[in-house]
Amino acid sequence: MNFSRYIAKRYNSANKKTEQLWSKPMMRVAVFGIILGMVVMITAVAIITGFKNQIREKVTGFSAHIQLVNRDLNRSYEYKPIDDNWKYLDEIAHYEGVSSMHPFITKPGVIKKDDEIEAIVLKGVDSTYSWSFFNNYLISGKAPKLDTTIKSNGILLSAYIANRLNLQIGDPVNMFFMQKPIRLRPFTLSGIYQTNLKTFDELYALVDLRHLQKLNNWESDQYSGFEIMVEEFEQVEKTGQKISSRVALEFNAENESLRTITTLEMSPQIYDWLQLQNMNVWVILILITLVAGINMITGLLINILEKTNQIGLFKAMGATDSQIIKIFMINAAKIIGKGMLWGNIIGLSICYLQQEFGLVSLDPDSYYLSEVPINFNWTYFALLNAGAFVVNLAMMLFPSLLIARIRPVQSIKFN
């Protein structure tokens, strides 16, 4: 057996009565520090990434990843209409990374019930629209059923608006539109959703887009634009640029062209805020790794001091500095591995319990979520473990270098 491995194994299997007074409790402290550090790092990564994913999912649930609209200076919710006869629409729908594309229409309006009024934006969609996002946040009723032939009178409202106007499922919802002349459109409340993203909950209601086409005097193939969903959020900018390059130089008979707006451009303040969360994660990871590393360094230094006599004896017998350093590095790796194993078990268990039972709740008005979110991203966890192990083991090299300064004659006499 290799000398370093043999001695390291002997150290690990030494009888408890013969273990040194100080190294044993210090190593326990080091192990506890690593366990605590891994628990904090795993939960921090799971919570921050979960928080970012859920907020991004909510934002894109309302406005999609990319919108394709008329290239004009209009920045209101009343877009200039575009039709669906652009040659490249089918091509874009089959781009790599694009998961779906559907038309939409937005139009501001006012809901009036008795003496109460609420200004909102109606978003019209058709039968190609996926209700999966809103179905996840339905608290009552169901989404409007959009048929290809029969126009639906259903409307999906947020709990915020429904509560403000004291509306229940099945109640009539009278919408007024400020145009000449003022138009009234009656709907029936079919579903109530609550995402806790107050900025959007206060604003959007969903209906059959054919109502809005009629209100705008548009043809059946005219829309405010097209919403495009991509498979991975990281593809938004790249896909947006690709689509933008494709549509920029093509014009119709009226000398009009289309442009893209990504979700990053539609809600920059939210994404800037989410970007700041990355800094919080890095600060936590660095601080916890440093604390765990310092505990390990302290324990290893004490271990080296207690075994100075043996180190001198090994050197006198012909052992090299690298062989002796390897002994302590093997022991350090086992201690780090033990701490990381238990840290992962405890950390992942906490995350699982939070995900399943929502033990820790949040104030939705402040955090846009009702409970602490968890994201089980095994790639992140694997990278976190690999990085923590390498960094902690690398930090052990510095105290181990003290072994090279130990002289056999003085160390054998050392007490």
Protein backbone atom coordinates (compact mmCIF):
# COMPACT_ATOMS: atom_id res chain seq x y z
CA MET A 1 0.00 0.00 0.00
CA ASN A 2 1.13 3.57 -0.67
CA PHE A 3 2.93 5.03 2.38
CA SER A 4 0.79 8.21 2.56
CA ARG A 5 -2.47 6.29 2.22
CA TYR A 6 -1.40 3.72 4.80
CA ILE A 7 -0.49 6.34 7.43
CA ALA A 8 -3.61 8.37 6.69
CA LYS A 9 -5.70 5.22 7.15
CA ARG A 10 -3.94 4.50 10.46
CA TYR A 11 -4.68 8.01 11.66
CA ASN A 12 -8.36 7.63 10.78
CA SER A 13 -8.69 4.24 12.49
CA ALA A 14 -6.71 5.21 15.60
CA ASN A 15 -8.27 4.28 18.91
CA LYS A 16 -10.25 7.14 20.46
CA LYS A 17 -8.22 6.92 23.68
CA THR A 18 -5.00 7.66 21.84
CA GLU A 19 -6.36 10.65 19.89
CA GLN A 20 -4.87 14.03 20.75
CA LEU A 21 -6.70 16.37 23.09
CA TRP A 22 -7.11 19.37 20.82
CA SER A 23 -7.31 18.07 17.26
CA LYS A 24 -10.42 15.95 17.78
CA PRO A 25 -12.77 18.78 18.96
CA MET A 26 -11.29 21.18 16.41
CA MET A 27 -11.94 18.73 13.60
CA ARG A 28 -15.49 18.33 14.84
CA VAL A 29 -15.87 22.10 14.69
CA ALA A 30 -14.45 22.04 11.16
CA VAL A 31 -16.88 19.32 10.08
CA PHE A 32 -19.77 21.22 11.64
CA GLY A 33 -18.65 24.38 9.82
CA ILE A 34 -18.62 22.54 6.48
CA ILE A 35 -22.04 21.00 7.16
CA LEU A 36 -23.51 24.38 8.08
CA GLY A 37 -21.82 26.02 5.10
CA MET A 38 -23.18 23.46 2.63
CA VAL A 39 -26.70 23.75 4.10
CA VAL A 40 -26.62 27.53 3.74
CA MET A 41 -25.14 27.44 0.22
CA ILE A 42 -27.54 24.78 -1.10
CA THR A 43 -30.61 26.52 0.32
CA ALA A 44 -29.38 29.93 -0.88
CA VAL A 45 -28.85 28.70 -4.45
CA ALA A 46 -32.17 26.80 -4.46
CA ILE A 47 -34.11 29.81 -3.11
CA ILE A 48 -32.50 32.51 -5.27
CA THR A 49 -32.76 30.51 -8.50
CA GLY A 50 -36.30 29.47 -7.58
CA PHE A 51 -37.23 33.08 -6.89
CA LYS A 52 -35.78 34.26 -10.22
CA ASN A 53 -37.46 31.44 -12.16
CA GLN A 54 -40.89 32.09 -10.68
CA ILE A 55 -40.76 35.86 -11.19
CA ARG A 56 -39.57 35.40 -14.78
CA GLU A 57 -42.31 32.82 -15.37
CA LYS A 58 -44.94 35.27 -14.14
CA VAL A 59 -43.65 38.19 -16.21
CA THR A 60 -43.44 36.12 -19.40
CA GLY A 61 -46.82 34.53 -18.64
CA PHE A 62 -48.41 37.93 -19.16
CA SER A 63 -46.33 39.20 -22.09
CA ALA A 64 -44.43 36.19 -23.53
CA HIS A 65 -40.68 36.11 -24.18
CA ILE A 66 -40.80 38.10 -27.43
CA GLN A 67 -43.46 40.26 -29.07
CA LEU A 68 -43.59 40.97 -32.79
CA VAL A 69 -45.41 44.27 -33.41
CA ASN A 70 -45.66 47.14 -35.90
CA ARG A 71 -42.49 49.20 -36.29
CA ASP A 72 -43.81 52.62 -35.29
CA LEU A 73 -43.35 55.06 -32.42
CA ASN A 74 -46.44 53.87 -30.55
CA ARG A 75 -45.67 52.87 -26.94
CA SER A 76 -49.27 52.55 -25.71
CA TYR A 77 -51.44 49.44 -25.45
CA GLU A 78 -53.28 50.43 -28.67
CA TYR A 79 -50.94 49.06 -31.32
CA LYS A 80 -51.33 49.78 -35.00
CA PRO A 81 -52.71 46.56 -36.53
CA ILE A 82 -50.63 44.06 -38.43
CA ASP A 83 -51.97 41.19 -40.49
CA ASP A 84 -50.86 37.58 -40.66
CA ASN A 85 -49.82 37.50 -44.33
CA TRP A 86 -46.13 38.20 -43.69
CA LYS A 87 -44.19 35.47 -45.47
CA TYR A 88 -41.73 34.89 -42.65
CA LEU A 89 -44.25 34.18 -39.84
CA ASP A 90 -44.35 30.45 -40.45
CA GLU A 91 -40.56 30.44 -40.80
CA ILE A 92 -40.13 32.16 -37.41
CA ALA A 93 -42.54 29.72 -35.74
CA HIS A 94 -40.15 26.90 -36.72
CA TYR A 95 -36.93 28.59 -35.60
CA GLU A 96 -34.75 26.49 -33.33
CA GLY A 97 -35.64 27.26 -29.71
CA VAL A 98 -39.09 28.72 -30.49
CA SER A 99 -41.77 26.70 -28.68
CA SER A 100 -44.93 28.56 -29.73
CA MET A 101 -46.32 31.66 -31.43
CA HIS A 102 -49.81 33.12 -31.23
CA PRO A 103 -51.57 36.41 -32.11
CA PHE A 104 -52.77 38.88 -29.50
CA ILE A 105 -54.61 42.19 -29.21
CA THR A 106 -54.44 44.64 -26.31
CA LYS A 107 -56.95 47.40 -25.65
CA PRO A 108 -57.43 49.65 -22.57
CA GLY A 109 -60.88 49.84 -21.05
CA VAL A 110 -62.83 50.53 -17.89
CA ILE A 111 -64.92 48.09 -15.83
CA LYS A 112 -67.91 49.67 -14.12
CA LYS A 113 -70.05 48.09 -11.42
CA ASP A 114 -72.47 50.28 -9.50
CA ASP A 115 -70.38 53.29 -8.45
CA GLU A 116 -67.01 51.50 -8.68
CA ILE A 117 -64.74 51.62 -11.72
CA GLU A 118 -61.40 49.99 -12.56
CA ALA A 119 -59.16 50.83 -15.50
CA ILE A 120 -57.56 47.73 -17.03
CA VAL A 121 -56.03 46.42 -20.24
CA LEU A 122 -57.92 43.71 -22.08
CA LYS A 123 -55.69 41.16 -23.73
CA GLY A 124 -57.36 39.23 -26.52
CA VAL A 125 -56.13 35.77 -27.50
CA ASP A 126 -57.41 33.03 -29.80
CA SER A 127 -57.75 29.25 -29.72
CA THR A 128 -54.01 28.75 -30.33
CA TYR A 129 -53.22 30.35 -26.98
CA SER A 130 -52.02 28.05 -24.17
CA TRP A 131 -53.76 28.64 -20.83
CA SER A 132 -51.19 26.59 -18.91
CA PHE A 133 -49.72 29.63 -17.14
CA PHE A 134 -53.05 31.02 -15.91
CA ASN A 135 -54.38 27.57 -15.05
CA ASN A 136 -51.55 27.31 -12.51
CA TYR A 137 -52.77 30.46 -10.79
CA LEU A 138 -56.55 30.03 -11.02
CA ILE A 139 -58.24 30.36 -7.64
CA SER A 140 -61.82 30.16 -8.90
CA GLY A 141 -63.71 29.24 -12.07
CA LYS A 142 -61.89 28.44 -15.29
CA ALA A 143 -60.30 30.16 -18.26
CA PRO A 144 -62.59 31.20 -21.15
CA LYS A 145 -63.12 28.40 -23.63
CA LEU A 146 -62.03 29.72 -27.00
CA ASP A 147 -63.62 27.93 -29.92
CA THR A 148 -62.64 28.42 -33.55
CA THR A 149 -66.23 29.18 -34.59
CA ILE A 150 -68.20 30.47 -31.57
CA LYS A 151 -67.09 33.72 -29.95
CA SER A 152 -66.64 33.40 -26.18
CA ASN A 153 -68.08 36.05 -23.83
CA GLY A 154 -66.00 34.84 -20.91
CA ILE A 155 -63.44 37.07 -19.21
CA LEU A 156 -60.56 36.12 -16.92
CA LEU A 157 -59.94 38.68 -14.16
CA SER A 158 -57.42 38.90 -11.35
CA ALA A 159 -58.47 38.43 -7.73
CA TYR A 160 -57.38 42.02 -7.07
CA ILE A 161 -59.92 43.46 -9.56
CA ALA A 162 -62.65 40.97 -8.69
CA ASN A 163 -62.36 41.79 -4.98
CA ARG A 164 -62.29 45.53 -5.62
CA LEU A 165 -65.53 45.31 -7.60
CA ASN A 166 -67.06 42.50 -5.51
CA LEU A 167 -67.44 40.21 -8.53
CA GLN A 168 -68.14 36.48 -8.39
CA ILE A 169 -67.93 33.74 -11.02
CA GLY A 170 -70.86 34.10 -13.44
CA ASP A 171 -71.40 37.82 -12.73
CA PRO A 172 -71.77 40.20 -15.69
CA VAL A 173 -68.74 42.41 -16.35
CA ASN A 174 -69.49 45.60 -18.27
CA MET A 175 -66.49 47.05 -20.10
CA PHE A 176 -66.47 50.60 -21.44
CA PHE A 177 -64.01 51.71 -24.12
CA MET A 178 -63.04 55.35 -24.46
CA GLN A 179 -63.44 55.84 -28.19
CA LYS A 180 -65.78 57.79 -30.40
CA PRO A 181 -68.46 56.89 -29.72
CA ILE A 182 -67.90 55.28 -26.28
CA ARG A 183 -68.52 51.56 -26.64
CA LEU A 184 -69.93 49.08 -24.12
CA ARG A 185 -69.12 45.39 -24.25
CA PRO A 186 -70.71 42.95 -21.74
CA PHE A 187 -68.71 39.92 -20.59
CA THR A 188 -69.31 37.13 -18.08
CA LEU A 189 -66.72 36.42 -15.38
CA SER A 190 -65.52 32.87 -16.08
CA GLY A 191 -62.34 32.70 -14.00
CA ILE A 192 -60.31 34.49 -11.34
CA TYR A 193 -56.51 34.24 -11.15
CA GLN A 194 -53.93 35.44 -8.64
CA THR A 195 -50.21 35.53 -9.44
CA ASN A 196 -49.28 37.97 -6.64
CA LEU A 197 -47.33 39.98 -9.23
CA LYS A 198 -49.31 43.06 -8.33
CA THR A 199 -48.10 45.23 -11.20
CA PHE A 200 -49.68 42.84 -13.70
CA ASP A 201 -52.60 41.55 -11.61
CA GLU A 202 -53.91 45.12 -11.36
CA LEU A 203 -53.65 45.57 -15.12
CA TYR A 204 -54.58 42.56 -17.25
CA ALA A 205 -57.80 40.71 -18.08
CA LEU A 206 -58.08 38.11 -20.86
CA VAL A 207 -60.86 37.67 -23.42
CA ASP A 208 -61.55 36.31 -26.88
CA LEU A 209 -59.65 38.56 -29.30
CA ARG A 210 -62.58 38.62 -31.77
CA HIS A 211 -64.35 41.07 -29.45
CA LEU A 212 -61.41 43.46 -29.73
CA GLN A 213 -61.18 43.05 -33.49
CA LYS A 214 -64.81 44.11 -33.76
CA LEU A 215 -64.32 47.06 -31.37
CA ASN A 216 -61.33 48.24 -33.42
CA ASN A 217 -63.10 47.65 -36.75
CA TRP A 218 -60.29 45.30 -37.77
CA GLU A 219 -60.41 42.38 -40.16
CA SER A 220 -60.29 38.80 -38.89
CA ASP A 221 -56.60 38.52 -39.82
CA GLN A 222 -55.49 41.74 -38.09
CA TYR A 223 -53.86 41.78 -34.66
CA SER A 224 -51.79 43.98 -32.33
CA GLY A 225 -48.95 41.54 -32.85
CA PHE A 226 -47.66 38.04 -32.22
CA GLU A 227 -46.29 36.63 -28.97
CA ILE A 228 -43.40 34.19 -29.18
CA MET A 229 -42.33 31.76 -26.46
CA VAL A 230 -38.87 30.18 -26.42
CA GLU A 231 -37.84 26.91 -24.82
CA GLU A 232 -35.13 28.33 -22.55
CA PHE A 233 -35.09 31.81 -21.02
CA GLU A 234 -31.37 32.11 -21.79
CA GLN A 235 -32.29 32.01 -25.51
CA VAL A 236 -34.48 35.13 -25.37
CA GLU A 237 -31.89 37.70 -26.43
CA LYS A 238 -30.31 35.49 -29.11
CA THR A 239 -33.68 34.47 -30.58
CA GLY A 240 -34.94 38.07 -30.39
CA GLN A 241 -31.93 39.32 -32.34
CA LYS A 242 -32.37 36.57 -34.92
CA ILE A 243 -36.03 37.43 -35.47
CA SER A 244 -35.27 41.16 -35.49
CA SER A 245 -32.66 40.69 -38.23
CA ARG A 246 -35.13 38.65 -40.26
CA VAL A 247 -38.01 41.14 -40.14
CA ALA A 248 -36.10 44.45 -40.22
CA LEU A 249 -35.62 44.80 -43.96
CA GLU A 250 -38.94 43.46 -45.22
CA PHE A 251 -41.77 45.93 -45.94
CA ASN A 252 -45.36 45.58 -47.12
CA ALA A 253 -47.29 47.63 -49.68
CA GLU A 254 -47.90 50.42 -47.09
CA ASN A 255 -44.14 50.63 -46.43
CA GLU A 256 -44.58 49.09 -42.99
CA SER A 257 -42.34 46.59 -41.26
CA LEU A 258 -42.35 44.75 -37.94
CA ARG A 259 -40.04 44.91 -34.91
CA THR A 260 -39.37 42.72 -31.90
CA ILE A 261 -39.65 43.57 -28.22
CA THR A 262 -38.16 41.10 -25.74
CA THR A 263 -39.42 40.63 -22.20
CA LEU A 264 -36.13 42.17 -21.02
CA GLU A 265 -37.10 45.39 -22.80
CA MET A 266 -40.73 45.30 -21.68
CA SER A 267 -39.94 44.95 -17.95
CA PRO A 268 -36.33 46.17 -17.50
CA GLN A 269 -36.82 47.24 -13.87
CA ILE A 270 -37.89 43.73 -12.82
CA TYR A 271 -35.00 42.02 -14.59
CA ASP A 272 -32.47 44.55 -13.25
CA TRP A 273 -33.77 43.78 -9.78
CA LEU A 274 -33.46 40.03 -10.40
CA GLN A 275 -29.93 40.52 -11.70
CA LEU A 276 -28.96 41.99 -8.33
CA GLN A 277 -29.88 38.68 -6.71
CA ASN A 278 -26.87 37.08 -8.43
CA MET A 279 -24.58 39.34 -6.41
CA ASN A 280 -26.29 38.20 -3.19
CA VAL A 281 -25.64 34.55 -4.09
CA TRP A 282 -21.95 35.15 -4.80
CA VAL A 283 -21.47 37.08 -1.55
CA ILE A 284 -23.08 34.24 0.44
CA LEU A 285 -21.04 31.54 -1.33
CA ILE A 286 -17.73 33.36 -0.86
CA LEU A 287 -18.31 34.21 2.81
CA ILE A 288 -19.50 30.72 3.76
CA THR A 289 -16.63 29.05 1.88
CA LEU A 290 -14.11 31.31 3.63
CA VAL A 291 -15.58 30.57 7.07
CA ALA A 292 -15.58 26.81 6.45
CA GLY A 293 -12.05 27.01 5.03
CA ILE A 294 -10.72 28.94 8.03
CA ASN A 295 -12.21 26.33 10.38
CA MET A 296 -10.46 23.60 8.40
CA ILE A 297 -7.16 25.50 8.38
CA THR A 298 -7.32 25.93 12.17
CA GLY A 299 -8.06 22.27 12.71
CA LEU A 300 -5.29 21.17 10.36
CA LEU A 301 -2.72 23.47 11.98
CA ILE A 302 -3.49 22.02 15.40
CA ASN A 303 -3.31 18.52 13.96
CA ILE A 304 0.12 19.25 12.45
CA LEU A 305 1.40 20.71 15.72
CA GLU A 306 0.20 17.69 17.71
CA LYS A 307 1.86 15.33 15.25
CA THR A 308 5.15 17.26 14.98
CA ASN A 309 7.08 14.42 16.67
CA GLN A 310 5.69 11.89 14.22
CA ILE A 311 6.41 14.17 11.26
CA GLY A 312 10.03 14.44 12.38
CA LEU A 313 10.24 10.68 12.81
CA PHE A 314 8.83 10.11 9.33
CA LYS A 315 11.38 12.50 7.87
CA ALA A 316 14.19 10.81 9.77
CA MET A 317 13.06 7.51 8.26
CA GLY A 318 13.31 8.98 4.76
CA ALA A 319 9.78 10.19 4.05
CA THR A 320 9.64 13.20 1.73
CA ASP A 321 7.75 16.44 2.43
CA SER A 322 5.28 15.67 -0.37
CA GLN A 323 4.50 12.23 1.12
CA ILE A 324 3.81 13.71 4.55
CA ILE A 325 1.76 16.58 3.08
CA LYS A 326 -0.27 13.98 1.20
CA ILE A 327 -1.11 12.25 4.52
CA PHE A 328 -2.72 15.39 5.89
CA MET A 329 -4.39 16.25 2.59
CA ILE A 330 -6.00 12.79 2.44
CA ASN A 331 -7.34 13.26 5.96
CA ALA A 332 -8.52 16.78 5.10
CA ALA A 333 -10.30 15.46 1.98
CA LYS A 334 -12.11 12.83 4.06
CA ILE A 335 -13.18 15.43 6.61
CA ILE A 336 -14.38 17.80 3.88
CA GLY A 337 -16.20 14.94 2.14
CA LYS A 338 -17.92 13.90 5.36
CA GLY A 339 -19.05 17.45 6.08
CA MET A 340 -20.26 17.97 2.50
CA LEU A 341 -22.20 14.67 2.53
CA TRP A 342 -24.15 15.57 5.64
CA GLY A 343 -24.51 19.17 4.46
CA ASN A 344 -26.10 17.96 1.21
CA ILE A 345 -28.43 15.56 3.01
CA ILE A 346 -29.64 18.24 5.43
CA GLY A 347 -29.75 21.05 2.85
CA LEU A 348 -31.65 19.05 0.23
CA SER A 349 -34.05 17.76 2.89
CA ILE A 350 -34.85 21.33 3.97
CA CYS A 351 -35.42 22.31 0.33
CA TYR A 352 -37.67 19.31 -0.26
CA LEU A 353 -39.79 20.04 2.81
CA GLN A 354 -40.16 23.68 1.77
CA GLN A 355 -41.12 22.75 -1.78
CA GLU A 356 -43.69 20.16 -0.69
CA PHE A 357 -45.23 21.85 2.33
CA GLY A 358 -44.40 25.58 1.98
CA LEU A 359 -43.21 25.84 5.60
CA VAL A 360 -41.87 29.39 5.20
CA SER A 361 -44.30 31.95 3.82
CA LEU A 362 -43.67 35.41 2.36
CA ASP A 363 -45.53 38.70 2.10
CA PRO A 364 -46.85 38.73 -1.52
CA ASP A 365 -46.97 42.54 -1.59
CA SER A 366 -43.22 42.73 -0.96
CA TYR A 367 -41.87 39.59 -2.65
CA TYR A 368 -44.54 38.79 -5.32
CA LEU A 369 -44.68 35.26 -3.89
CA SER A 370 -46.72 33.73 -1.08
CA GLU A 371 -44.02 31.26 0.03
CA VAL A 372 -40.29 30.76 -0.29
CA PRO A 373 -39.65 29.19 -3.73
CA ILE A 374 -37.30 26.27 -4.31
CA ASN A 375 -35.56 25.27 -7.54
CA PHE A 376 -33.96 21.82 -7.70
CA ASN A 377 -31.31 22.40 -10.34
CA TRP A 378 -28.98 19.43 -10.06
CA THR A 379 -26.40 21.00 -12.35
CA TYR A 380 -26.06 23.95 -9.97
CA PHE A 381 -25.82 21.62 -6.97
CA ALA A 382 -23.13 19.50 -8.66
CA LEU A 383 -21.08 22.57 -9.58
CA LEU A 384 -21.55 23.96 -6.07
CA ASN A 385 -20.26 20.74 -4.47
CA ALA A 386 -17.33 20.45 -6.87
CA GLY A 387 -16.35 24.09 -6.35
CA ALA A 388 -16.68 23.92 -2.55
CA PHE A 389 -14.59 20.73 -2.37
CA VAL A 390 -11.81 22.08 -4.60
CA VAL A 391 -11.65 25.47 -2.86
CA ASN A 392 -11.61 23.96 0.65
CA LEU A 393 -8.98 21.40 -0.31
CA ALA A 394 -6.87 24.10 -1.98
CA MET A 395 -7.00 26.16 1.22
CA MET A 396 -5.52 23.17 3.08
CA LEU A 397 -2.32 23.46 1.03
CA PHE A 398 -1.18 26.56 2.91
CA PRO A 399 -1.00 25.04 6.43
CA SER A 400 0.36 21.80 4.94
CA LEU A 401 3.37 23.71 3.58
CA LEU A 402 4.49 24.24 7.20
CA ILE A 403 5.54 20.58 7.14
CA ALA A 404 8.44 21.48 4.84
CA ARG A 405 9.84 23.77 7.58
CA ILE A 406 9.88 21.05 10.23
CA ARG A 407 13.38 19.69 10.94
CA PRO A 408 13.69 16.07 12.16
CA VAL A 409 16.11 16.74 15.07
CA GLN A 410 14.10 19.60 16.59
CA SER A 411 10.72 17.96 15.92
CA ILE A 412 11.61 14.66 17.59
CA LYS A 413 12.50 16.64 20.74
CA PHE A 414 9.30 18.75 20.35
CA ASN A 415 6.79 18.37 23.16
